[in-house]
Amino acid sequence: MGEFKDSALMKAFGQAGTGVFPGPSAIEKEIREHYRTVPHWPCRLGD
C-alpha cells in the first residue's frame, strides 16, 4: 500500500497492473482505452 502525491505516478502504477487509481465513471471508457485498464468496482460517494 502506498500514498501518491503525484497523480501521474499513481496512474503509472495502475496502468502497470500494480495498483489502483480512482476515476469518474463518466469517462470510464476513455480511462480504459488510454491507460489500458479494467474497472474493478464502482465507488460511490456517500455509501
N, C-alpha and C. Protein backbone atom coordinates (compact mmCIF):
# COMPACT_ATOMS: atom_id res chain seq x y z
N MET A 1 0.84 -1.15 0.00
CA MET A 1 0.00 0.00 0.00
C MET A 1 0.90 1.23 0.00
N GLY A 2 0.47 2.25 -0.71
CA GLY A 2 1.25 3.48 -0.75
C GLY A 2 0.35 4.68 -0.94
N GLU A 3 0.92 5.80 -0.69
CA GLU A 3 0.20 7.05 -0.88
C GLU A 3 0.95 7.85 -1.94
N PHE A 4 0.23 8.33 -2.92
CA PHE A 4 0.85 9.06 -4.01
C PHE A 4 0.42 10.52 -3.98
N LYS A 5 1.39 11.39 -4.00
CA LYS A 5 1.09 12.82 -4.12
C LYS A 5 1.16 13.24 -5.58
N ASP A 6 1.71 12.40 -6.41
CA ASP A 6 1.85 12.66 -7.84
C ASP A 6 0.86 11.76 -8.58
N SER A 7 -0.17 12.37 -9.19
CA SER A 7 -1.20 11.56 -9.84
C SER A 7 -0.65 10.78 -11.04
N ALA A 8 0.35 11.32 -11.72
CA ALA A 8 0.94 10.61 -12.85
C ALA A 8 1.61 9.31 -12.39
N LEU A 9 2.29 9.34 -11.26
CA LEU A 9 2.92 8.14 -10.72
C LEU A 9 1.87 7.12 -10.31
N MET A 10 0.79 7.59 -9.70
CA MET A 10 -0.29 6.70 -9.29
C MET A 10 -0.90 6.02 -10.52
N LYS A 11 -1.12 6.78 -11.59
CA LYS A 11 -1.68 6.21 -12.80
C LYS A 11 -0.72 5.23 -13.45
N ALA A 12 0.57 5.50 -13.38
CA ALA A 12 1.57 4.58 -13.95
C ALA A 12 1.53 3.24 -13.23
N PHE A 13 1.41 3.26 -11.91
CA PHE A 13 1.30 2.01 -11.15
C PHE A 13 0.02 1.27 -11.53
N GLY A 14 -1.08 2.00 -11.66
CA GLY A 14 -2.34 1.37 -12.05
C GLY A 14 -2.26 0.78 -13.44
N GLN A 15 -1.66 1.49 -14.36
CA GLN A 15 -1.53 1.02 -15.73
C GLN A 15 -0.65 -0.22 -15.81
N ALA A 16 0.36 -0.28 -14.97
CA ALA A 16 1.26 -1.44 -14.96
C ALA A 16 0.65 -2.66 -14.27
N GLY A 17 -0.55 -2.47 -13.70
CA GLY A 17 -1.21 -3.59 -13.03
C GLY A 17 -0.73 -3.81 -11.61
N THR A 18 -0.03 -2.83 -11.06
CA THR A 18 0.49 -2.98 -9.70
C THR A 18 -0.20 -2.03 -8.73
N GLY A 19 -1.31 -1.50 -9.12
CA GLY A 19 -2.02 -0.59 -8.23
C GLY A 19 -3.37 -0.23 -8.80
N VAL A 20 -4.09 0.57 -8.07
CA VAL A 20 -5.40 1.04 -8.50
C VAL A 20 -5.44 2.55 -8.38
N PHE A 21 -6.30 3.16 -9.16
CA PHE A 21 -6.49 4.59 -9.03
C PHE A 21 -7.95 4.92 -9.31
N PRO A 22 -8.46 5.96 -8.69
CA PRO A 22 -9.85 6.34 -8.89
C PRO A 22 -10.04 7.09 -10.20
N GLY A 23 -11.22 7.01 -10.72
CA GLY A 23 -11.57 7.76 -11.92
C GLY A 23 -13.08 7.90 -12.00
N PRO A 24 -13.56 8.99 -12.57
CA PRO A 24 -15.01 9.19 -12.67
C PRO A 24 -15.64 8.23 -13.68
N SER A 25 -16.79 7.70 -13.34
CA SER A 25 -17.46 6.75 -14.23
C SER A 25 -17.89 7.40 -15.54
N ALA A 26 -18.07 8.72 -15.54
CA ALA A 26 -18.48 9.42 -16.74
C ALA A 26 -17.46 9.29 -17.87
N ILE A 27 -16.20 9.07 -17.52
CA ILE A 27 -15.16 8.92 -18.55
C ILE A 27 -14.47 7.56 -18.45
N GLU A 28 -15.20 6.58 -17.94
CA GLU A 28 -14.63 5.23 -17.76
C GLU A 28 -14.07 4.67 -19.06
N LYS A 29 -14.79 4.83 -20.16
CA LYS A 29 -14.33 4.29 -21.44
C LYS A 29 -13.00 4.91 -21.86
N GLU A 30 -12.89 6.22 -21.71
CA GLU A 30 -11.65 6.90 -22.08
C GLU A 30 -10.49 6.46 -21.20
N ILE A 31 -10.74 6.27 -19.91
CA ILE A 31 -9.70 5.81 -18.99
C ILE A 31 -9.24 4.41 -19.39
N ARG A 32 -10.20 3.52 -19.65
CA ARG A 32 -9.84 2.14 -20.04
C ARG A 32 -9.01 2.14 -21.31
N GLU A 33 -9.40 2.94 -22.30
CA GLU A 33 -8.68 2.95 -23.57
C GLU A 33 -7.30 3.61 -23.45
N HIS A 34 -7.21 4.71 -22.73
CA HIS A 34 -5.95 5.43 -22.62
C HIS A 34 -4.93 4.69 -21.76
N TYR A 35 -5.37 4.19 -20.61
CA TYR A 35 -4.44 3.54 -19.68
C TYR A 35 -4.43 2.01 -19.80
N ARG A 36 -5.31 1.49 -20.66
CA ARG A 36 -5.44 0.03 -20.83
C ARG A 36 -5.66 -0.67 -19.50
N THR A 37 -6.67 -0.19 -18.82
CA THR A 37 -7.03 -0.73 -17.50
C THR A 37 -8.41 -1.36 -17.56
N VAL A 38 -8.78 -2.02 -16.50
CA VAL A 38 -10.13 -2.56 -16.35
C VAL A 38 -10.69 -2.09 -15.01
N PRO A 39 -11.99 -1.76 -14.99
CA PRO A 39 -12.58 -1.34 -13.73
C PRO A 39 -12.74 -2.55 -12.80
N HIS A 40 -12.55 -2.31 -11.51
CA HIS A 40 -12.68 -3.40 -10.53
C HIS A 40 -13.97 -3.30 -9.76
N TRP A 41 -14.39 -2.11 -9.43
CA TRP A 41 -15.65 -1.95 -8.71
C TRP A 41 -16.04 -0.47 -8.76
N PRO A 42 -17.33 -0.21 -8.67
CA PRO A 42 -17.74 1.19 -8.61
C PRO A 42 -17.54 1.75 -7.19
N CYS A 43 -17.18 2.96 -7.12
CA CYS A 43 -17.01 3.64 -5.84
C CYS A 43 -18.07 4.73 -5.76
N ARG A 44 -18.92 4.65 -4.78
CA ARG A 44 -20.00 5.63 -4.66
C ARG A 44 -19.78 6.50 -3.44
N LEU A 45 -19.81 7.77 -3.65
CA LEU A 45 -19.69 8.71 -2.54
C LEU A 45 -20.95 8.68 -1.70
N GLY A 46 -20.78 8.72 -0.40
CA GLY A 46 -21.93 8.77 0.48
C GLY A 46 -22.45 7.42 0.92
N ASP A 47 -21.87 6.31 0.44
CA ASP A 47 -22.32 4.98 0.86
C ASP A 47 -21.71 4.62 2.20
